[in-house]
Amino acid sequence: MFFRKSAVEPLTVTMSAVRMGERVLQVGVDDAAVASAIAAKVGLSGNAAIAVADERDAARAHGAAASAGVLVDVKVAPLASLPFDGEAFDLVVVHGVHGLVSSLDADARLAAMREWRRVLRQGGRVMTIEAGPATGIASVFKRQAPNEAYEAAGGVVGGLAAAGFKPVRLLAEREGYKFAEGIKG
């Protein structure tokens, strides 16, 4: 199976600051190449896992990992009930460009974010990737209808703060993507 180079992949690896030897969980698989790039970065001394919603996404993640020659532990699980021990990860990357987070109702979103916090070690980070404002020529062709209720509630930054992450910040809005980060204090 052939996977093209992802536009968000280099940005994600850079923005997440993932390092060799870290334990990283990716939630969601909008772009399977991102999971492979993160797994390659942590190397054999680290651990890469991914939690997806269904078997179709699991197959995509397995295919991308095999194509890249990396090891990834893929689990199918609901967002609010991840099959991992508490404090098992240094970094959680939430890949929600296609609305994984913003499409949830407020209660489900808070439950999912609290679950991400549970699986992070003390001082661990969560980084989210969502669709951001289109820039350049893409802004002419790519029109996104924002989830107004989600944005009015503070979006991902407000949600992460409500789930107990401190500090929380918007890292960047770049090339049509929005990156945010929260720390488990």
N, C-alpha and C. Protein backbone atom coordinates (compact mmCIF):
# COMPACT_ATOMS: atom_id res chain seq x y z
N MET A 1 0.84 -1.17 0.00
CA MET A 1 0.00 0.00 0.00
C MET A 1 0.89 1.23 0.00
N PHE A 2 0.60 2.21 -0.83
CA PHE A 2 1.40 3.42 -0.95
C PHE A 2 0.72 4.56 -0.21
N PHE A 3 1.48 5.30 0.60
CA PHE A 3 0.97 6.47 1.31
C PHE A 3 1.77 7.68 0.88
N ARG A 4 1.08 8.72 0.43
CA ARG A 4 1.78 9.93 0.02
C ARG A 4 2.22 10.71 1.25
N LYS A 5 3.18 11.55 1.07
CA LYS A 5 3.66 12.40 2.17
C LYS A 5 2.54 13.35 2.56
N SER A 6 2.28 13.41 3.84
CA SER A 6 1.20 14.21 4.38
C SER A 6 1.63 15.66 4.54
N ALA A 7 0.71 16.58 4.30
CA ALA A 7 1.00 18.00 4.50
C ALA A 7 1.15 18.32 5.97
N VAL A 8 0.39 17.64 6.83
CA VAL A 8 0.42 17.94 8.26
C VAL A 8 1.53 17.16 8.99
N GLU A 9 2.04 16.12 8.38
CA GLU A 9 3.03 15.26 9.04
C GLU A 9 4.26 16.02 9.55
N PRO A 10 4.99 16.77 8.71
CA PRO A 10 6.17 17.46 9.23
C PRO A 10 5.81 18.50 10.28
N LEU A 11 4.69 19.18 10.10
CA LEU A 11 4.26 20.17 11.08
C LEU A 11 3.97 19.50 12.42
N THR A 12 3.30 18.36 12.39
CA THR A 12 2.94 17.67 13.62
C THR A 12 4.17 17.21 14.39
N VAL A 13 5.10 16.61 13.70
CA VAL A 13 6.30 16.12 14.36
C VAL A 13 7.07 17.30 14.96
N THR A 14 7.15 18.40 14.24
CA THR A 14 7.84 19.59 14.75
C THR A 14 7.09 20.19 15.94
N MET A 15 5.78 20.41 15.79
CA MET A 15 5.00 21.05 16.84
C MET A 15 4.91 20.20 18.10
N SER A 16 4.88 18.88 17.95
CA SER A 16 4.75 18.01 19.12
C SER A 16 6.05 17.89 19.90
N ALA A 17 7.16 18.19 19.26
CA ALA A 17 8.49 18.07 19.88
C ALA A 17 8.72 16.66 20.43
N VAL A 18 8.14 15.65 19.76
CA VAL A 18 8.32 14.26 20.17
C VAL A 18 9.80 13.89 20.07
N ARG A 19 10.27 13.12 21.05
CA ARG A 19 11.69 12.78 21.11
C ARG A 19 11.88 11.26 21.18
N MET A 20 13.07 10.85 20.79
CA MET A 20 13.46 9.46 20.88
C MET A 20 13.24 8.96 22.31
N GLY A 21 12.66 7.77 22.42
CA GLY A 21 12.47 7.15 23.73
C GLY A 21 11.18 7.50 24.44
N GLU A 22 10.41 8.45 23.92
CA GLU A 22 9.16 8.83 24.59
C GLU A 22 8.07 7.80 24.35
N ARG A 23 7.09 7.83 25.23
CA ARG A 23 5.89 7.01 25.11
C ARG A 23 4.78 7.92 24.60
N VAL A 24 4.31 7.66 23.38
CA VAL A 24 3.37 8.57 22.71
C VAL A 24 2.10 7.82 22.32
N LEU A 25 0.97 8.45 22.60
CA LEU A 25 -0.33 7.95 22.17
C LEU A 25 -0.92 8.94 21.19
N GLN A 26 -1.35 8.45 20.03
CA GLN A 26 -2.11 9.28 19.11
C GLN A 26 -3.56 8.85 19.20
N VAL A 27 -4.45 9.83 19.33
CA VAL A 27 -5.89 9.58 19.37
C VAL A 27 -6.45 10.07 18.04
N GLY A 28 -7.09 9.17 17.31
CA GLY A 28 -7.62 9.52 15.99
C GLY A 28 -6.59 9.29 14.91
N VAL A 29 -7.09 9.09 13.69
CA VAL A 29 -6.19 8.79 12.58
C VAL A 29 -6.66 9.47 11.30
N ASP A 30 -6.88 10.79 11.37
CA ASP A 30 -7.27 11.52 10.17
C ASP A 30 -6.24 11.33 9.07
N ASP A 31 -4.99 11.24 9.44
CA ASP A 31 -3.89 11.06 8.49
C ASP A 31 -2.96 9.99 9.06
N ALA A 32 -3.01 8.79 8.52
CA ALA A 32 -2.24 7.66 9.05
C ALA A 32 -0.73 7.90 8.99
N ALA A 33 -0.28 8.74 8.07
CA ALA A 33 1.16 9.03 7.97
C ALA A 33 1.68 9.74 9.21
N VAL A 34 0.82 10.49 9.89
CA VAL A 34 1.24 11.18 11.11
C VAL A 34 1.63 10.17 12.18
N ALA A 35 0.83 9.13 12.36
CA ALA A 35 1.13 8.10 13.36
C ALA A 35 2.46 7.42 13.05
N SER A 36 2.71 7.14 11.79
CA SER A 36 3.97 6.50 11.40
C SER A 36 5.15 7.42 11.64
N ALA A 37 5.00 8.71 11.36
CA ALA A 37 6.09 9.65 11.56
C ALA A 37 6.42 9.78 13.05
N ILE A 38 5.40 9.80 13.88
CA ILE A 38 5.62 9.88 15.33
C ILE A 38 6.29 8.60 15.83
N ALA A 39 5.82 7.44 15.36
CA ALA A 39 6.41 6.16 15.77
C ALA A 39 7.87 6.09 15.35
N ALA A 40 8.18 6.59 14.17
CA ALA A 40 9.58 6.58 13.72
C ALA A 40 10.44 7.48 14.60
N LYS A 41 9.89 8.57 15.05
CA LYS A 41 10.64 9.51 15.89
C LYS A 41 10.94 8.94 17.27
N VAL A 42 9.99 8.20 17.89
CA VAL A 42 10.25 7.64 19.22
C VAL A 42 11.20 6.46 19.16
N GLY A 43 11.27 5.81 18.01
CA GLY A 43 12.21 4.72 17.81
C GLY A 43 11.91 3.49 18.64
N LEU A 44 12.84 2.55 18.63
CA LEU A 44 12.67 1.29 19.35
C LEU A 44 12.78 1.46 20.86
N SER A 45 13.40 2.54 21.31
CA SER A 45 13.52 2.76 22.76
C SER A 45 12.26 3.40 23.35
N GLY A 46 11.37 3.86 22.49
CA GLY A 46 10.12 4.46 22.94
C GLY A 46 8.95 3.54 22.68
N ASN A 47 7.76 4.10 22.80
CA ASN A 47 6.55 3.33 22.57
C ASN A 47 5.54 4.21 21.86
N ALA A 48 5.00 3.72 20.76
CA ALA A 48 3.99 4.45 20.02
C ALA A 48 2.70 3.64 20.00
N ALA A 49 1.61 4.28 20.38
CA ALA A 49 0.30 3.63 20.38
C ALA A 49 -0.69 4.57 19.71
N ILE A 50 -1.76 4.00 19.22
CA ILE A 50 -2.80 4.80 18.61
C ILE A 50 -4.15 4.23 19.00
N ALA A 51 -5.07 5.10 19.35
CA ALA A 51 -6.44 4.71 19.68
C ALA A 51 -7.35 5.25 18.58
N VAL A 52 -8.12 4.36 17.98
CA VAL A 52 -9.00 4.73 16.88
C VAL A 52 -10.42 4.27 17.17
N ALA A 53 -11.37 4.82 16.43
CA ALA A 53 -12.79 4.57 16.68
C ALA A 53 -13.30 3.26 16.10
N ASP A 54 -12.69 2.79 15.01
CA ASP A 54 -13.24 1.59 14.37
C ASP A 54 -12.16 0.78 13.66
N GLU A 55 -12.55 -0.39 13.18
CA GLU A 55 -11.62 -1.31 12.52
C GLU A 55 -11.06 -0.73 11.21
N ARG A 56 -11.84 0.08 10.51
CA ARG A 56 -11.38 0.69 9.26
C ARG A 56 -10.17 1.59 9.54
N ASP A 57 -10.29 2.42 10.58
CA ASP A 57 -9.17 3.30 10.95
C ASP A 57 -7.99 2.49 11.47
N ALA A 58 -8.27 1.40 12.17
CA ALA A 58 -7.19 0.52 12.66
C ALA A 58 -6.42 -0.06 11.49
N ALA A 59 -7.12 -0.48 10.46
CA ALA A 59 -6.47 -1.04 9.27
C ALA A 59 -5.60 0.02 8.58
N ARG A 60 -6.09 1.25 8.50
CA ARG A 60 -5.30 2.34 7.91
C ARG A 60 -4.02 2.58 8.72
N ALA A 61 -4.15 2.60 10.05
CA ALA A 61 -2.99 2.82 10.91
C ALA A 61 -1.97 1.69 10.76
N HIS A 62 -2.46 0.44 10.75
CA HIS A 62 -1.56 -0.71 10.57
C HIS A 62 -0.86 -0.64 9.21
N GLY A 63 -1.60 -0.28 8.17
CA GLY A 63 -1.02 -0.18 6.83
C GLY A 63 0.06 0.87 6.73
N ALA A 64 -0.18 2.03 7.33
CA ALA A 64 0.82 3.10 7.31
C ALA A 64 2.06 2.71 8.11
N ALA A 65 1.86 2.05 9.24
CA ALA A 65 2.99 1.62 10.06
C ALA A 65 3.83 0.58 9.30
N ALA A 66 3.16 -0.37 8.67
CA ALA A 66 3.87 -1.40 7.92
C ALA A 66 4.65 -0.77 6.75
N SER A 67 4.02 0.17 6.07
CA SER A 67 4.66 0.84 4.95
C SER A 67 5.90 1.62 5.39
N ALA A 68 5.83 2.22 6.59
CA ALA A 68 6.95 3.00 7.12
C ALA A 68 7.96 2.13 7.87
N GLY A 69 7.61 0.87 8.14
CA GLY A 69 8.52 -0.02 8.85
C GLY A 69 8.67 0.32 10.32
N VAL A 70 7.57 0.77 10.95
CA VAL A 70 7.61 1.13 12.37
C VAL A 70 6.60 0.29 13.15
N LEU A 71 6.83 0.23 14.46
CA LEU A 71 5.93 -0.50 15.34
C LEU A 71 4.95 0.46 16.00
N VAL A 72 3.66 0.14 15.90
CA VAL A 72 2.62 0.95 16.53
C VAL A 72 1.61 -0.01 17.13
N ASP A 73 1.27 0.20 18.40
CA ASP A 73 0.24 -0.57 19.09
C ASP A 73 -1.09 0.10 18.79
N VAL A 74 -1.94 -0.54 17.99
CA VAL A 74 -3.22 0.04 17.58
C VAL A 74 -4.36 -0.59 18.37
N LYS A 75 -5.17 0.26 18.99
CA LYS A 75 -6.33 -0.20 19.77
C LYS A 75 -7.58 0.50 19.26
N VAL A 76 -8.67 -0.26 19.16
CA VAL A 76 -9.98 0.30 18.85
C VAL A 76 -10.69 0.52 20.17
N ALA A 77 -11.06 1.78 20.45
CA ALA A 77 -11.67 2.10 21.74
C ALA A 77 -12.42 3.42 21.66
N PRO A 78 -13.42 3.58 22.55
CA PRO A 78 -14.09 4.88 22.63
C PRO A 78 -13.17 5.94 23.22
N LEU A 79 -13.36 7.19 22.83
CA LEU A 79 -12.49 8.28 23.30
C LEU A 79 -12.49 8.44 24.82
N ALA A 80 -13.61 8.17 25.46
CA ALA A 80 -13.72 8.39 26.90
C ALA A 80 -13.35 7.17 27.73
N SER A 81 -12.83 6.13 27.08
CA SER A 81 -12.47 4.91 27.80
C SER A 81 -11.29 4.23 27.10
N LEU A 82 -10.13 4.82 27.22
CA LEU A 82 -8.95 4.30 26.53
C LEU A 82 -8.39 3.08 27.25
N PRO A 83 -7.99 2.05 26.51
CA PRO A 83 -7.51 0.80 27.12
C PRO A 83 -6.03 0.84 27.51
N PHE A 84 -5.65 1.90 28.21
CA PHE A 84 -4.26 2.06 28.63
C PHE A 84 -4.23 2.40 30.12
N ASP A 85 -3.13 2.04 30.78
CA ASP A 85 -2.96 2.36 32.19
C ASP A 85 -2.83 3.86 32.39
N GLY A 86 -3.15 4.30 33.60
CA GLY A 86 -2.94 5.69 33.96
C GLY A 86 -1.46 6.03 33.92
N GLU A 87 -1.15 7.24 33.52
CA GLU A 87 0.22 7.76 33.44
C GLU A 87 1.14 6.91 32.57
N ALA A 88 0.58 6.33 31.51
CA ALA A 88 1.34 5.45 30.62
C ALA A 88 2.11 6.21 29.53
N PHE A 89 1.79 7.49 29.30
CA PHE A 89 2.36 8.20 28.16
C PHE A 89 2.98 9.54 28.57
N ASP A 90 3.99 9.94 27.80
CA ASP A 90 4.62 11.25 27.95
C ASP A 90 3.90 12.30 27.12
N LEU A 91 3.30 11.86 26.01
CA LEU A 91 2.67 12.78 25.07
C LEU A 91 1.43 12.10 24.48
N VAL A 92 0.34 12.85 24.39
CA VAL A 92 -0.85 12.41 23.68
C VAL A 92 -1.06 13.40 22.54
N VAL A 93 -1.11 12.89 21.31
CA VAL A 93 -1.36 13.71 20.13
C VAL A 93 -2.77 13.37 19.66
N VAL A 94 -3.63 14.39 19.62
CA VAL A 94 -5.02 14.19 19.21
C VAL A 94 -5.17 14.74 17.80
N HIS A 95 -5.41 13.84 16.86
CA HIS A 95 -5.51 14.22 15.45
C HIS A 95 -6.98 14.39 15.10
N GLY A 96 -7.47 15.64 15.20
CA GLY A 96 -8.89 15.90 15.01
C GLY A 96 -9.19 16.87 13.89
N VAL A 97 -8.45 16.82 12.81
CA VAL A 97 -8.66 17.75 11.70
C VAL A 97 -10.07 17.61 11.11
N HIS A 98 -10.61 16.40 11.11
CA HIS A 98 -11.93 16.18 10.53
C HIS A 98 -13.03 16.21 11.58
N GLY A 99 -12.79 16.85 12.72
CA GLY A 99 -13.83 17.08 13.70
C GLY A 99 -13.92 16.08 14.83
N LEU A 100 -12.90 15.29 15.06
CA LEU A 100 -12.93 14.29 16.12
C LEU A 100 -13.33 14.90 17.45
N VAL A 101 -12.80 16.06 17.79
CA VAL A 101 -13.08 16.71 19.06
C VAL A 101 -14.27 17.66 18.94
N SER A 102 -14.26 18.50 17.93
CA SER A 102 -15.30 19.53 17.80
C SER A 102 -16.69 18.96 17.54
N SER A 103 -16.77 17.74 17.03
CA SER A 103 -18.08 17.15 16.74
C SER A 103 -18.74 16.53 17.98
N LEU A 104 -17.99 16.38 19.05
CA LEU A 104 -18.54 15.80 20.28
C LEU A 104 -19.40 16.83 21.01
N ASP A 105 -20.43 16.34 21.73
CA ASP A 105 -21.16 17.28 22.59
C ASP A 105 -20.26 17.62 23.78
N ALA A 106 -20.61 18.67 24.51
CA ALA A 106 -19.75 19.21 25.56
C ALA A 106 -19.38 18.16 26.61
N ASP A 107 -20.34 17.34 27.04
CA ASP A 107 -20.06 16.32 28.06
C ASP A 107 -19.10 15.25 27.55
N ALA A 108 -19.32 14.77 26.33
CA ALA A 108 -18.45 13.74 25.75
C ALA A 108 -17.05 14.30 25.52
N ARG A 109 -16.96 15.55 25.10
CA ARG A 109 -15.66 16.19 24.86
C ARG A 109 -14.88 16.30 26.17
N LEU A 110 -15.54 16.73 27.25
CA LEU A 110 -14.88 16.85 28.54
C LEU A 110 -14.43 15.48 29.05
N ALA A 111 -15.28 14.46 28.88
CA ALA A 111 -14.92 13.10 29.30
C ALA A 111 -13.71 12.59 28.54
N ALA A 112 -13.65 12.85 27.23
CA ALA A 112 -12.50 12.42 26.42
C ALA A 112 -11.23 13.14 26.87
N MET A 113 -11.32 14.43 27.11
CA MET A 113 -10.14 15.19 27.53
C MET A 113 -9.65 14.76 28.90
N ARG A 114 -10.56 14.44 29.79
CA ARG A 114 -10.16 13.92 31.10
C ARG A 114 -9.48 12.56 30.96
N GLU A 115 -9.91 11.76 30.00
CA GLU A 115 -9.28 10.46 29.74
C GLU A 115 -7.87 10.66 29.20
N TRP A 116 -7.67 11.63 28.33
CA TRP A 116 -6.32 11.93 27.83
C TRP A 116 -5.42 12.34 28.99
N ARG A 117 -5.97 13.10 29.91
CA ARG A 117 -5.21 13.52 31.09
C ARG A 117 -4.85 12.32 31.96
N ARG A 118 -5.78 11.40 32.11
CA ARG A 118 -5.55 10.20 32.94
C ARG A 118 -4.37 9.38 32.43
N VAL A 119 -4.25 9.21 31.11
CA VAL A 119 -3.19 8.35 30.57
C VAL A 119 -1.84 9.05 30.47
N LEU A 120 -1.81 10.35 30.74
CA LEU A 120 -0.54 11.10 30.72
C LEU A 120 0.16 11.05 32.07
N ARG A 121 1.48 10.96 32.04
CA ARG A 121 2.26 11.05 33.27
C ARG A 121 2.21 12.49 33.77
N GLN A 122 2.55 12.69 35.03
CA GLN A 122 2.64 14.03 35.59
C GLN A 122 3.66 14.83 34.78
N GLY A 123 3.30 16.01 34.34
CA GLY A 123 4.19 16.82 33.50
C GLY A 123 4.10 16.48 32.03
N GLY A 124 3.29 15.47 31.67
CA GLY A 124 3.11 15.09 30.26
C GLY A 124 2.29 16.13 29.51
N ARG A 125 2.33 16.01 28.18
CA ARG A 125 1.67 17.01 27.32
C ARG A 125 0.63 16.37 26.43
N VAL A 126 -0.42 17.12 26.15
CA VAL A 126 -1.36 16.76 25.11
C VAL A 126 -1.22 17.82 24.02
N MET A 127 -1.18 17.38 22.77
CA MET A 127 -1.15 18.31 21.65
C MET A 127 -2.28 17.95 20.72
N THR A 128 -3.08 18.93 20.36
CA THR A 128 -4.20 18.68 19.45
C THR A 128 -3.93 19.33 18.10
N ILE A 129 -4.44 18.67 17.07
CA ILE A 129 -4.36 19.19 15.71
C ILE A 129 -5.80 19.26 15.21
N GLU A 130 -6.24 20.45 14.85
CA GLU A 130 -7.58 20.63 14.32
C GLU A 130 -7.50 21.44 13.04
N ALA A 131 -8.60 21.49 12.32
CA ALA A 131 -8.65 22.33 11.14
C ALA A 131 -8.60 23.78 11.59
N GLY A 132 -7.79 24.55 10.92
CA GLY A 132 -7.68 25.98 11.23
C GLY A 132 -8.09 26.78 10.02
N PRO A 133 -7.93 28.06 10.13
CA PRO A 133 -8.30 28.91 8.99
C PRO A 133 -7.41 28.62 7.78
N ALA A 134 -8.02 28.49 6.63
CA ALA A 134 -7.26 28.28 5.40
C ALA A 134 -6.48 29.55 5.08
N THR A 135 -5.30 29.37 4.51
CA THR A 135 -4.46 30.51 4.17
C THR A 135 -4.08 30.45 2.70
N GLY A 136 -3.61 31.57 2.18
CA GLY A 136 -3.15 31.62 0.80
C GLY A 136 -4.23 31.25 -0.20
N ILE A 137 -3.83 30.61 -1.27
CA ILE A 137 -4.77 30.25 -2.33
C ILE A 137 -5.80 29.23 -1.84
N ALA A 138 -5.42 28.42 -0.85
CA ALA A 138 -6.36 27.43 -0.31
C ALA A 138 -7.59 28.08 0.28
N SER A 139 -7.46 29.32 0.78
CA SER A 139 -8.59 29.99 1.40
C SER A 139 -9.69 30.29 0.38
N VAL A 140 -9.33 30.36 -0.89
CA VAL A 140 -10.32 30.60 -1.94
C VAL A 140 -11.18 29.35 -2.16
N PHE A 141 -10.57 28.17 -2.05
CA PHE A 141 -11.26 26.93 -2.36
C PHE A 141 -11.76 26.18 -1.14
N LYS A 142 -11.12 26.36 -0.02
CA LYS A 142 -11.42 25.58 1.18
C LYS A 142 -12.21 26.45 2.15
N ARG A 143 -13.48 26.21 2.25
CA ARG A 143 -14.33 26.94 3.18
C ARG A 143 -14.81 25.96 4.24
N GLN A 144 -14.57 26.31 5.50
CA GLN A 144 -14.99 25.46 6.60
C GLN A 144 -16.06 26.17 7.40
N ALA A 145 -17.09 25.44 7.75
CA ALA A 145 -18.10 25.98 8.64
C ALA A 145 -17.69 25.64 10.07
N PRO A 146 -17.33 26.64 10.86
CA PRO A 146 -16.89 26.34 12.22
C PRO A 146 -18.06 25.87 13.07
N ASN A 147 -17.75 25.04 14.05
CA ASN A 147 -18.75 24.61 15.03
C ASN A 147 -18.87 25.78 16.01
N GLU A 148 -19.89 26.59 15.83
CA GLU A 148 -20.01 27.83 16.61
C GLU A 148 -20.16 27.57 18.11
N ALA A 149 -20.91 26.54 18.49
CA ALA A 149 -21.08 26.23 19.92
C ALA A 149 -19.73 25.81 20.52
N TYR A 150 -18.97 25.04 19.78
CA TYR A 150 -17.64 24.60 20.21
C TYR A 150 -16.72 25.80 20.41
N GLU A 151 -16.68 26.66 19.43
CA GLU A 151 -15.82 27.84 19.52
C GLU A 151 -16.28 28.79 20.62
N ALA A 152 -17.59 28.95 20.80
CA ALA A 152 -18.12 29.83 21.86
C ALA A 152 -17.76 29.30 23.24
N ALA A 153 -17.61 27.99 23.37
CA ALA A 153 -17.24 27.38 24.65
C ALA A 153 -15.74 27.40 24.88
N GLY A 154 -15.00 28.03 23.98
CA GLY A 154 -13.55 28.13 24.15
C GLY A 154 -12.77 27.19 23.29
N GLY A 155 -13.45 26.38 22.47
CA GLY A 155 -12.75 25.45 21.59
C GLY A 155 -11.90 24.46 22.37
N VAL A 156 -10.88 23.97 21.74
CA VAL A 156 -10.03 22.97 22.38
C VAL A 156 -9.26 23.55 23.55
N VAL A 157 -8.85 24.81 23.48
CA VAL A 157 -8.10 25.43 24.56
C VAL A 157 -8.97 25.51 25.82
N GLY A 158 -10.22 25.96 25.66
CA GLY A 158 -11.13 26.02 26.80
C GLY A 158 -11.45 24.65 27.35
N GLY A 159 -11.61 23.68 26.47
CA GLY A 159 -11.90 22.31 26.89
C GLY A 159 -10.76 21.68 27.68
N LEU A 160 -9.54 21.86 27.19
CA LEU A 160 -8.38 21.30 27.90
C LEU A 160 -8.23 21.94 29.28
N ALA A 161 -8.45 23.23 29.37
CA ALA A 161 -8.38 23.90 30.67
C ALA A 161 -9.45 23.35 31.62
N ALA A 162 -10.67 23.15 31.11
CA ALA A 162 -11.76 22.61 31.93
C ALA A 162 -11.46 21.18 32.38
N ALA A 163 -10.68 20.44 31.59
CA ALA A 163 -10.34 19.06 31.94
C ALA A 163 -9.16 18.98 32.91
N GLY A 164 -8.58 20.12 33.29
CA GLY A 164 -7.52 20.13 34.28
C GLY A 164 -6.11 20.33 33.76
N PHE A 165 -5.96 20.55 32.47
CA PHE A 165 -4.62 20.82 31.94
C PHE A 165 -4.23 22.26 32.26
N LYS A 166 -2.99 22.45 32.73
CA LYS A 166 -2.50 23.80 33.04
C LYS A 166 -1.00 23.80 32.84
N PRO A 167 -0.44 24.70 32.10
CA PRO A 167 -1.10 25.70 31.27
C PRO A 167 -1.59 25.09 29.96
N VAL A 168 -2.45 25.83 29.30
CA VAL A 168 -2.97 25.46 27.98
C VAL A 168 -2.74 26.64 27.06
N ARG A 169 -2.33 26.36 25.82
CA ARG A 169 -2.10 27.46 24.89
C ARG A 169 -2.31 27.01 23.45
N LEU A 170 -2.65 27.97 22.64
CA LEU A 170 -2.70 27.76 21.20
C LEU A 170 -1.27 27.92 20.71
N LEU A 171 -0.72 26.87 20.12
CA LEU A 171 0.67 26.91 19.65
C LEU A 171 0.79 27.67 18.34
N ALA A 172 -0.10 27.35 17.39
CA ALA A 172 -0.01 27.99 16.08
C ALA A 172 -1.24 27.70 15.25
N GLU A 173 -1.51 28.59 14.32
CA GLU A 173 -2.46 28.36 13.24
C GLU A 173 -1.65 28.51 11.97
N ARG A 174 -1.46 27.39 11.28
CA ARG A 174 -0.53 27.39 10.16
C ARG A 174 -0.98 26.43 9.07
N GLU A 175 -0.93 26.87 7.83
CA GLU A 175 -1.22 26.04 6.67
C GLU A 175 -2.56 25.32 6.77
N GLY A 176 -3.55 25.98 7.37
CA GLY A 176 -4.88 25.40 7.48
C GLY A 176 -5.07 24.49 8.68
N TYR A 177 -4.11 24.46 9.59
CA TYR A 177 -4.18 23.63 10.78
C TYR A 177 -4.05 24.51 12.02
N LYS A 178 -4.64 24.02 13.12
CA LYS A 178 -4.55 24.72 14.40
C LYS A 178 -3.98 23.73 15.42
N PHE A 179 -2.90 24.13 16.07
CA PHE A 179 -2.22 23.28 17.05
C PHE A 179 -2.37 23.90 18.45
N ALA A 180 -2.79 23.10 19.43
CA ALA A 180 -2.89 23.57 20.81
C ALA A 180 -2.21 22.54 21.72
N GLU A 181 -1.82 23.00 22.91
CA GLU A 181 -1.09 22.15 23.82
C GLU A 181 -1.56 22.40 25.25
N GLY A 182 -1.58 21.34 26.04
CA GLY A 182 -1.87 21.43 27.46
C GLY A 182 -0.91 20.54 28.22
N ILE A 183 -0.60 20.94 29.46
CA ILE A 183 0.33 20.19 30.30
C ILE A 183 -0.44 19.61 31.48
N LYS A 184 -0.14 18.37 31.82
CA LYS A 184 -0.74 17.77 33.03
C LYS A 184 0.13 18.18 34.20
N GLY A 185 -0.38 19.13 35.00
CA GLY A 185 0.38 19.66 36.13
C GLY A 185 0.06 18.93 37.41
